[in-house]
């Protein structure tokens, strides 16, 4: 590794049939919450809200948003499912995941631009792709998952 290479730590998780990663600096935590309350008239990708230590957090279901089929999970895998809490433009959001995989460290020179066609998620939401453990790991750009109007809708839910 040269002096110009920088390492990047990613929280990795399974969503459908694919492995995804989010920069660990954007992740505030991983939680397992069962009590998600539906919100009337919410966008279809909003699963509901839950209370995390006194703060109301919207739950985003990327399966719905990007028409991704849920993964078939074993009982052991279900124990590793839950939410990744991220901060998007000052708003805490929970992203439902099928199964947390762990944290991996890569170098920035390993990241390749996303191919034009990525199953389920458009390239505008993807920072890049890296080959890891004989599979591709899709790195999400959480700051671009929602436009300004969607972020305002999510903020209203938190009040």
N, C-alpha and C. Protein backbone atom coordinates (compact mmCIF):
# COMPACT_ATOMS: atom_id res chain seq x y z
N UNK A 1 0.85 -1.18 0.00
CA UNK A 1 0.00 0.00 0.00
C UNK A 1 0.89 1.23 0.00
N UNK A 2 0.62 2.17 -0.91
CA UNK A 2 1.43 3.37 -0.99
C UNK A 2 0.97 4.41 0.02
N UNK A 3 1.76 5.47 0.17
CA UNK A 3 1.42 6.51 1.12
C UNK A 3 0.16 7.26 0.73
N UNK A 4 -0.21 7.26 -0.56
CA UNK A 4 -1.39 8.00 -0.99
C UNK A 4 -2.68 7.21 -0.78
N UNK A 5 -2.59 5.92 -0.54
CA UNK A 5 -3.78 5.11 -0.28
C UNK A 5 -4.32 5.44 1.10
N UNK A 6 -5.61 5.57 1.18
CA UNK A 6 -6.23 5.76 2.48
C UNK A 6 -7.19 4.62 2.73
N UNK A 7 -7.27 4.23 3.98
CA UNK A 7 -8.16 3.12 4.29
C UNK A 7 -9.54 3.66 4.60
N UNK A 8 -10.52 2.81 4.42
CA UNK A 8 -11.91 3.14 4.63
C UNK A 8 -12.54 1.96 5.34
N UNK A 9 -13.21 2.22 6.46
CA UNK A 9 -13.90 1.15 7.17
C UNK A 9 -15.37 1.21 6.81
N UNK A 10 -15.92 0.05 6.49
CA UNK A 10 -17.32 -0.05 6.09
C UNK A 10 -18.08 -0.99 7.00
N UNK A 11 -19.26 -0.56 7.44
CA UNK A 11 -20.19 -1.46 8.10
C UNK A 11 -20.90 -2.19 6.97
N UNK A 12 -20.82 -3.51 6.96
CA UNK A 12 -21.39 -4.27 5.86
C UNK A 12 -22.63 -5.04 6.32
N UNK A 13 -23.54 -5.21 5.38
CA UNK A 13 -24.80 -5.89 5.68
C UNK A 13 -25.39 -6.48 4.41
N UNK A 14 -26.28 -7.41 4.61
CA UNK A 14 -26.97 -8.07 3.51
C UNK A 14 -28.33 -7.42 3.35
N UNK A 15 -28.67 -7.16 2.11
CA UNK A 15 -29.98 -6.62 1.75
C UNK A 15 -30.39 -7.38 0.50
N UNK A 16 -31.36 -8.27 0.65
CA UNK A 16 -31.71 -9.14 -0.47
C UNK A 16 -30.57 -10.11 -0.73
N UNK A 17 -30.18 -10.22 -1.99
CA UNK A 17 -29.11 -11.15 -2.36
C UNK A 17 -27.73 -10.50 -2.39
N UNK A 18 -27.66 -9.21 -2.10
CA UNK A 18 -26.40 -8.48 -2.24
C UNK A 18 -25.82 -8.05 -0.90
N UNK A 19 -24.51 -7.78 -0.91
CA UNK A 19 -23.80 -7.25 0.25
C UNK A 19 -23.61 -5.75 0.01
N UNK A 20 -23.92 -4.95 1.02
CA UNK A 20 -23.78 -3.51 0.95
C UNK A 20 -22.87 -3.04 2.06
N UNK A 21 -22.33 -1.84 1.88
CA UNK A 21 -21.50 -1.24 2.91
C UNK A 21 -21.79 0.23 3.03
N UNK A 22 -21.63 0.76 4.24
CA UNK A 22 -21.77 2.18 4.52
C UNK A 22 -20.54 2.59 5.30
N UNK A 23 -19.97 3.74 4.95
CA UNK A 23 -18.82 4.27 5.67
C UNK A 23 -19.13 4.30 7.16
N UNK A 24 -18.25 3.72 7.95
CA UNK A 24 -18.47 3.61 9.39
C UNK A 24 -18.63 4.98 10.05
N UNK A 25 -18.08 6.02 9.45
CA UNK A 25 -18.20 7.37 10.00
C UNK A 25 -19.62 7.91 9.87
N UNK A 26 -20.44 7.30 9.01
CA UNK A 26 -21.83 7.73 8.84
C UNK A 26 -22.79 6.91 9.69
N UNK A 27 -22.29 5.87 10.34
CA UNK A 27 -23.13 4.96 11.12
C UNK A 27 -23.07 5.34 12.60
N UNK A 28 -24.24 5.57 13.18
CA UNK A 28 -24.32 5.90 14.60
C UNK A 28 -24.57 4.69 15.47
N UNK A 29 -25.00 3.59 14.86
CA UNK A 29 -25.23 2.39 15.64
C UNK A 29 -26.00 1.36 14.85
N UNK A 30 -26.06 0.17 15.41
CA UNK A 30 -26.86 -0.91 14.85
C UNK A 30 -27.74 -1.40 15.99
N UNK A 31 -29.04 -1.42 15.76
CA UNK A 31 -29.97 -1.80 16.82
C UNK A 31 -30.95 -2.85 16.32
N UNK A 32 -31.50 -3.55 17.28
CA UNK A 32 -32.55 -4.52 16.99
C UNK A 32 -33.79 -4.06 17.74
N UNK A 33 -34.75 -3.54 17.01
CA UNK A 33 -35.99 -3.01 17.60
C UNK A 33 -37.15 -3.76 16.96
N UNK A 34 -38.07 -4.21 17.78
CA UNK A 34 -39.23 -4.94 17.28
C UNK A 34 -40.45 -4.04 17.15
N UNK A 35 -40.52 -2.98 17.95
CA UNK A 35 -41.73 -2.17 18.05
C UNK A 35 -41.68 -0.98 17.09
N UNK A 36 -41.97 -1.22 15.81
CA UNK A 36 -42.03 -0.17 14.81
C UNK A 36 -43.51 0.17 14.60
N UNK A 37 -43.83 1.45 14.75
CA UNK A 37 -45.22 1.91 14.60
C UNK A 37 -45.41 2.45 13.20
N UNK A 38 -46.46 1.99 12.53
CA UNK A 38 -46.79 2.49 11.20
C UNK A 38 -47.19 3.96 11.29
N UNK A 39 -46.95 4.70 10.21
CA UNK A 39 -47.31 6.11 10.13
C UNK A 39 -48.30 6.27 8.98
N UNK A 40 -49.52 6.75 9.26
CA UNK A 40 -50.50 6.94 8.19
C UNK A 40 -49.99 7.92 7.13
N UNK A 41 -50.29 7.62 5.88
CA UNK A 41 -49.95 8.47 4.74
C UNK A 41 -48.45 8.69 4.55
N UNK A 42 -47.63 7.82 5.11
CA UNK A 42 -46.18 7.92 4.93
C UNK A 42 -45.82 7.41 3.54
N UNK A 43 -44.69 7.85 2.99
CA UNK A 43 -44.24 7.29 1.72
C UNK A 43 -44.09 5.76 1.84
N UNK A 44 -44.25 5.06 0.74
CA UNK A 44 -44.26 3.59 0.77
C UNK A 44 -42.97 2.99 1.33
N UNK A 45 -41.84 3.68 1.19
CA UNK A 45 -40.57 3.15 1.66
C UNK A 45 -40.35 3.39 3.16
N UNK A 46 -41.25 4.13 3.81
CA UNK A 46 -41.14 4.36 5.25
C UNK A 46 -41.94 3.27 5.95
N UNK A 47 -41.23 2.43 6.68
CA UNK A 47 -41.87 1.32 7.38
C UNK A 47 -42.62 1.80 8.61
N UNK A 48 -42.13 2.88 9.21
CA UNK A 48 -42.76 3.43 10.40
C UNK A 48 -41.75 4.22 11.21
N UNK A 49 -42.02 4.33 12.50
CA UNK A 49 -41.13 5.05 13.41
C UNK A 49 -40.93 4.21 14.67
N UNK A 50 -39.86 4.49 15.40
CA UNK A 50 -39.66 3.88 16.71
C UNK A 50 -38.95 4.87 17.61
N UNK A 51 -39.02 4.60 18.90
CA UNK A 51 -38.43 5.47 19.90
C UNK A 51 -37.09 4.88 20.32
N UNK A 52 -36.03 5.65 20.11
CA UNK A 52 -34.69 5.22 20.52
C UNK A 52 -34.19 6.21 21.56
N UNK A 53 -34.22 5.79 22.81
CA UNK A 53 -33.77 6.63 23.92
C UNK A 53 -34.38 8.03 23.88
N UNK A 54 -35.69 8.07 23.66
CA UNK A 54 -36.42 9.34 23.69
C UNK A 54 -36.48 10.08 22.36
N UNK A 55 -35.83 9.58 21.33
CA UNK A 55 -35.86 10.24 20.02
C UNK A 55 -36.66 9.38 19.05
N UNK A 56 -37.55 10.03 18.30
CA UNK A 56 -38.35 9.33 17.30
C UNK A 56 -37.53 9.22 16.02
N UNK A 57 -37.35 7.97 15.56
CA UNK A 57 -36.51 7.69 14.39
C UNK A 57 -37.37 7.05 13.30
N UNK A 58 -37.39 7.62 12.08
CA UNK A 58 -38.09 6.98 10.97
C UNK A 58 -37.32 5.74 10.51
N UNK A 59 -38.06 4.70 10.15
CA UNK A 59 -37.47 3.46 9.65
C UNK A 59 -37.65 3.41 8.14
N UNK A 60 -36.54 3.33 7.43
CA UNK A 60 -36.54 3.29 5.98
C UNK A 60 -36.37 1.84 5.53
N UNK A 61 -37.24 1.41 4.65
CA UNK A 61 -37.17 0.05 4.13
C UNK A 61 -36.66 0.13 2.69
N UNK A 62 -35.36 -0.15 2.51
CA UNK A 62 -34.78 -0.09 1.17
C UNK A 62 -35.31 -1.19 0.27
N UNK A 63 -35.84 -2.26 0.85
CA UNK A 63 -36.47 -3.31 0.03
C UNK A 63 -37.62 -2.69 -0.76
N UNK A 64 -38.44 -1.91 -0.08
CA UNK A 64 -39.58 -1.26 -0.74
C UNK A 64 -39.12 -0.15 -1.68
N UNK A 65 -38.18 0.65 -1.22
CA UNK A 65 -37.75 1.81 -2.02
C UNK A 65 -37.15 1.38 -3.36
N UNK A 66 -36.39 0.30 -3.35
CA UNK A 66 -35.70 -0.12 -4.56
C UNK A 66 -36.19 -1.45 -5.12
N UNK A 67 -37.35 -1.91 -4.66
CA UNK A 67 -37.93 -3.17 -5.12
C UNK A 67 -36.93 -4.33 -5.03
N UNK A 68 -36.34 -4.48 -3.85
CA UNK A 68 -35.39 -5.56 -3.60
C UNK A 68 -36.12 -6.66 -2.83
N UNK A 69 -35.97 -7.87 -3.30
CA UNK A 69 -36.59 -9.00 -2.61
C UNK A 69 -35.85 -9.23 -1.29
N UNK A 70 -36.62 -9.48 -0.22
CA UNK A 70 -36.00 -9.76 1.07
C UNK A 70 -35.23 -11.08 1.01
N UNK A 71 -34.16 -11.14 1.75
CA UNK A 71 -33.35 -12.36 1.79
C UNK A 71 -34.08 -13.43 2.59
N UNK A 72 -33.91 -14.66 2.19
CA UNK A 72 -34.42 -15.77 2.99
C UNK A 72 -33.38 -16.06 4.05
N UNK A 73 -33.78 -15.91 5.31
CA UNK A 73 -32.84 -15.97 6.42
C UNK A 73 -33.08 -17.19 7.29
N UNK A 74 -31.98 -17.73 7.79
CA UNK A 74 -32.09 -18.79 8.79
C UNK A 74 -32.42 -18.14 10.13
N UNK A 75 -32.74 -18.95 11.10
CA UNK A 75 -33.04 -18.42 12.44
C UNK A 75 -31.84 -17.66 12.99
N UNK A 76 -30.64 -18.16 12.76
CA UNK A 76 -29.41 -17.49 13.22
C UNK A 76 -29.25 -16.13 12.53
N UNK A 77 -29.54 -16.09 11.21
CA UNK A 77 -29.44 -14.83 10.49
C UNK A 77 -30.45 -13.80 11.01
N UNK A 78 -31.64 -14.27 11.37
CA UNK A 78 -32.67 -13.36 11.88
C UNK A 78 -32.21 -12.66 13.16
N UNK A 79 -31.38 -13.33 13.93
CA UNK A 79 -30.85 -12.72 15.15
C UNK A 79 -29.90 -11.56 14.83
N UNK A 80 -29.37 -11.55 13.62
CA UNK A 80 -28.44 -10.50 13.20
C UNK A 80 -29.11 -9.45 12.32
N UNK A 81 -30.44 -9.48 12.24
CA UNK A 81 -31.15 -8.47 11.47
C UNK A 81 -31.48 -7.30 12.37
N UNK A 82 -31.89 -6.20 11.79
CA UNK A 82 -32.22 -5.02 12.58
C UNK A 82 -32.13 -3.77 11.75
N UNK A 83 -31.58 -2.71 12.36
CA UNK A 83 -31.49 -1.42 11.71
C UNK A 83 -30.09 -0.84 11.86
N UNK A 84 -29.63 -0.17 10.81
CA UNK A 84 -28.41 0.62 10.88
C UNK A 84 -28.88 2.07 11.03
N UNK A 85 -28.43 2.73 12.10
CA UNK A 85 -28.79 4.13 12.34
C UNK A 85 -27.75 5.00 11.65
N UNK A 86 -28.23 5.86 10.74
CA UNK A 86 -27.34 6.76 10.01
C UNK A 86 -27.80 8.20 10.20
N UNK A 87 -26.89 9.12 9.95
CA UNK A 87 -27.21 10.53 10.02
C UNK A 87 -27.16 11.08 8.60
N UNK A 88 -28.30 11.55 8.11
CA UNK A 88 -28.39 12.11 6.77
C UNK A 88 -28.79 13.57 6.91
N UNK A 89 -27.86 14.45 6.61
CA UNK A 89 -28.08 15.89 6.69
C UNK A 89 -28.70 16.30 8.04
N UNK A 90 -28.13 15.78 9.12
CA UNK A 90 -28.56 16.14 10.45
C UNK A 90 -29.78 15.40 10.97
N UNK A 91 -30.30 14.45 10.19
CA UNK A 91 -31.47 13.68 10.61
C UNK A 91 -31.05 12.23 10.83
N UNK A 92 -31.45 11.70 11.98
CA UNK A 92 -31.16 10.29 12.25
C UNK A 92 -32.24 9.44 11.61
N UNK A 93 -31.80 8.44 10.84
CA UNK A 93 -32.70 7.52 10.15
C UNK A 93 -32.25 6.10 10.44
N UNK A 94 -33.20 5.18 10.46
CA UNK A 94 -32.89 3.77 10.63
C UNK A 94 -33.14 3.07 9.29
N UNK A 95 -32.15 2.35 8.82
CA UNK A 95 -32.29 1.58 7.58
C UNK A 95 -32.41 0.12 7.96
N UNK A 96 -33.52 -0.49 7.57
CA UNK A 96 -33.73 -1.92 7.86
C UNK A 96 -32.75 -2.74 7.02
N UNK A 97 -32.10 -3.69 7.69
CA UNK A 97 -31.17 -4.59 6.99
C UNK A 97 -31.61 -6.03 7.24
N UNK A 98 -31.26 -6.91 6.30
CA UNK A 98 -31.59 -8.32 6.48
C UNK A 98 -30.66 -8.97 7.50
N UNK A 99 -29.37 -8.61 7.42
CA UNK A 99 -28.40 -9.25 8.32
C UNK A 99 -27.13 -8.41 8.33
N UNK A 100 -26.66 -8.05 9.52
CA UNK A 100 -25.39 -7.35 9.62
C UNK A 100 -24.27 -8.36 9.38
N UNK A 101 -23.27 -7.94 8.62
CA UNK A 101 -22.15 -8.84 8.32
C UNK A 101 -20.93 -8.53 9.16
N UNK A 102 -20.64 -7.25 9.34
CA UNK A 102 -19.47 -6.87 10.13
C UNK A 102 -18.85 -5.60 9.61
N UNK A 103 -17.61 -5.37 10.00
CA UNK A 103 -16.86 -4.20 9.56
C UNK A 103 -15.67 -4.69 8.76
N UNK A 104 -15.48 -4.10 7.59
CA UNK A 104 -14.32 -4.44 6.76
C UNK A 104 -13.51 -3.17 6.50
N UNK A 105 -12.23 -3.35 6.34
CA UNK A 105 -11.35 -2.23 6.00
C UNK A 105 -10.84 -2.44 4.59
N UNK A 106 -11.01 -1.42 3.76
CA UNK A 106 -10.51 -1.46 2.38
C UNK A 106 -9.66 -0.22 2.15
N UNK A 107 -8.98 -0.16 1.04
CA UNK A 107 -8.28 1.06 0.66
C UNK A 107 -9.08 1.73 -0.45
N UNK A 108 -9.00 3.04 -0.51
CA UNK A 108 -9.79 3.78 -1.49
C UNK A 108 -9.45 3.40 -2.92
N UNK A 109 -8.22 2.94 -3.16
CA UNK A 109 -7.88 2.56 -4.53
C UNK A 109 -8.54 1.24 -4.96
N UNK A 110 -9.14 0.51 -4.02
CA UNK A 110 -9.87 -0.71 -4.35
C UNK A 110 -11.28 -0.41 -4.86
N UNK A 111 -11.78 0.78 -4.56
CA UNK A 111 -13.15 1.14 -4.93
C UNK A 111 -13.21 1.47 -6.41
N UNK A 112 -14.12 0.80 -7.10
CA UNK A 112 -14.33 1.03 -8.53
C UNK A 112 -15.65 1.76 -8.72
N UNK A 113 -15.77 2.53 -9.81
CA UNK A 113 -17.06 3.19 -10.07
C UNK A 113 -18.15 2.13 -10.25
N UNK A 114 -19.38 2.46 -9.87
CA UNK A 114 -20.45 1.47 -10.00
C UNK A 114 -20.76 1.17 -11.46
N UNK A 115 -21.05 -0.09 -11.78
CA UNK A 115 -21.48 -0.40 -13.14
C UNK A 115 -22.82 0.27 -13.40
N UNK A 116 -23.15 0.49 -14.67
CA UNK A 116 -24.39 1.18 -15.02
C UNK A 116 -25.63 0.47 -14.53
N UNK A 117 -25.58 -0.84 -14.42
CA UNK A 117 -26.75 -1.59 -13.96
C UNK A 117 -26.35 -2.35 -12.70
N UNK A 118 -26.94 -1.95 -11.58
CA UNK A 118 -26.75 -2.66 -10.33
C UNK A 118 -28.13 -3.13 -9.90
N UNK A 119 -28.24 -4.40 -9.53
CA UNK A 119 -29.52 -4.97 -9.17
C UNK A 119 -30.19 -4.16 -8.08
N UNK A 120 -31.38 -3.66 -8.38
CA UNK A 120 -32.22 -3.01 -7.37
C UNK A 120 -31.93 -1.54 -7.13
N UNK A 121 -30.70 -1.16 -6.89
CA UNK A 121 -30.40 0.22 -6.50
C UNK A 121 -29.72 0.93 -7.65
N UNK A 122 -30.19 2.13 -7.97
CA UNK A 122 -29.62 2.91 -9.05
C UNK A 122 -28.23 3.41 -8.71
N UNK A 123 -27.45 3.64 -9.74
CA UNK A 123 -26.06 4.05 -9.54
C UNK A 123 -25.94 5.41 -8.86
N UNK A 124 -27.00 6.24 -8.91
CA UNK A 124 -26.92 7.55 -8.26
C UNK A 124 -26.83 7.44 -6.74
N UNK A 125 -27.18 6.26 -6.19
CA UNK A 125 -27.14 6.05 -4.75
C UNK A 125 -25.89 5.26 -4.32
N UNK A 126 -25.03 4.97 -5.26
CA UNK A 126 -23.88 4.10 -4.99
C UNK A 126 -22.58 4.89 -5.14
N UNK A 127 -21.74 4.84 -4.11
CA UNK A 127 -20.42 5.49 -4.17
C UNK A 127 -19.45 4.69 -5.02
N UNK A 128 -19.55 3.36 -4.92
CA UNK A 128 -18.65 2.51 -5.66
C UNK A 128 -18.86 1.06 -5.32
N UNK A 129 -18.04 0.23 -5.93
CA UNK A 129 -18.12 -1.21 -5.74
C UNK A 129 -16.71 -1.71 -5.48
N UNK A 130 -16.58 -2.66 -4.57
CA UNK A 130 -15.28 -3.24 -4.27
C UNK A 130 -15.42 -4.76 -4.24
N UNK A 131 -14.42 -5.45 -4.74
CA UNK A 131 -14.41 -6.90 -4.68
C UNK A 131 -13.90 -7.30 -3.30
N UNK A 132 -14.72 -8.12 -2.60
CA UNK A 132 -14.35 -8.51 -1.24
C UNK A 132 -14.85 -9.93 -1.00
N UNK A 133 -13.96 -10.82 -0.56
CA UNK A 133 -14.31 -12.22 -0.28
C UNK A 133 -15.02 -12.88 -1.46
N UNK A 134 -14.49 -12.71 -2.64
CA UNK A 134 -15.02 -13.32 -3.87
C UNK A 134 -16.44 -12.85 -4.22
N UNK A 135 -16.87 -11.74 -3.67
CA UNK A 135 -18.17 -11.14 -3.98
C UNK A 135 -17.96 -9.65 -4.18
N UNK A 136 -18.97 -9.03 -4.73
CA UNK A 136 -18.92 -7.58 -4.83
C UNK A 136 -19.65 -6.96 -3.66
N UNK A 137 -19.07 -5.91 -3.12
CA UNK A 137 -19.63 -5.17 -2.02
C UNK A 137 -20.01 -3.80 -2.59
N UNK A 138 -21.30 -3.46 -2.49
CA UNK A 138 -21.82 -2.21 -3.03
C UNK A 138 -21.79 -1.16 -1.91
N UNK A 139 -21.08 -0.06 -2.14
CA UNK A 139 -20.94 0.98 -1.13
C UNK A 139 -22.01 2.04 -1.37
N UNK A 140 -22.93 2.16 -0.40
CA UNK A 140 -24.03 3.13 -0.53
C UNK A 140 -23.58 4.53 -0.15
N UNK A 141 -24.12 5.51 -0.85
CA UNK A 141 -23.91 6.91 -0.50
C UNK A 141 -25.17 7.36 0.24
N UNK A 142 -25.16 7.28 1.56
CA UNK A 142 -26.36 7.58 2.35
C UNK A 142 -26.80 9.03 2.19
N UNK A 143 -25.88 9.92 1.89
CA UNK A 143 -26.24 11.34 1.75
C UNK A 143 -27.05 11.61 0.48
N UNK A 144 -27.07 10.66 -0.44
CA UNK A 144 -27.83 10.85 -1.68
C UNK A 144 -29.04 9.93 -1.78
N UNK A 145 -29.36 9.20 -0.71
CA UNK A 145 -30.51 8.29 -0.76
C UNK A 145 -31.84 9.02 -0.84
N UNK A 146 -31.89 10.28 -0.37
CA UNK A 146 -33.15 11.02 -0.32
C UNK A 146 -32.96 12.41 -0.87
N UNK A 147 -33.97 12.90 -1.60
CA UNK A 147 -33.90 14.28 -2.08
C UNK A 147 -34.44 15.21 -0.99
N UNK A 148 -34.38 16.52 -1.22
CA UNK A 148 -34.76 17.50 -0.21
C UNK A 148 -36.22 17.34 0.23
N UNK A 149 -37.12 17.08 -0.71
CA UNK A 149 -38.54 16.91 -0.38
C UNK A 149 -38.75 15.70 0.52
N UNK A 150 -38.08 14.60 0.20
CA UNK A 150 -38.20 13.39 1.01
C UNK A 150 -37.65 13.62 2.42
N UNK A 151 -36.55 14.33 2.53
CA UNK A 151 -35.98 14.63 3.84
C UNK A 151 -36.92 15.49 4.68
N UNK A 152 -37.64 16.42 4.03
CA UNK A 152 -38.61 17.23 4.75
C UNK A 152 -39.77 16.37 5.25
N UNK A 153 -40.22 15.42 4.44
CA UNK A 153 -41.29 14.50 4.87
C UNK A 153 -40.83 13.70 6.09
N UNK A 154 -39.60 13.21 6.04
CA UNK A 154 -39.08 12.42 7.15
C UNK A 154 -38.95 13.27 8.41
N UNK A 155 -38.56 14.51 8.24
CA UNK A 155 -38.43 15.39 9.40
C UNK A 155 -39.78 15.63 10.07
N UNK A 156 -40.83 15.79 9.27
CA UNK A 156 -42.19 15.99 9.84
C UNK A 156 -42.61 14.80 10.68
N UNK A 157 -42.20 13.60 10.29
CA UNK A 157 -42.54 12.40 11.04
C UNK A 157 -41.89 12.37 12.42
N UNK A 158 -40.75 13.02 12.54
CA UNK A 158 -39.99 12.99 13.79
C UNK A 158 -40.52 13.96 14.83
N UNK A 159 -41.46 14.79 14.44
CA UNK A 159 -42.02 15.78 15.39
C UNK A 159 -43.10 15.19 16.22
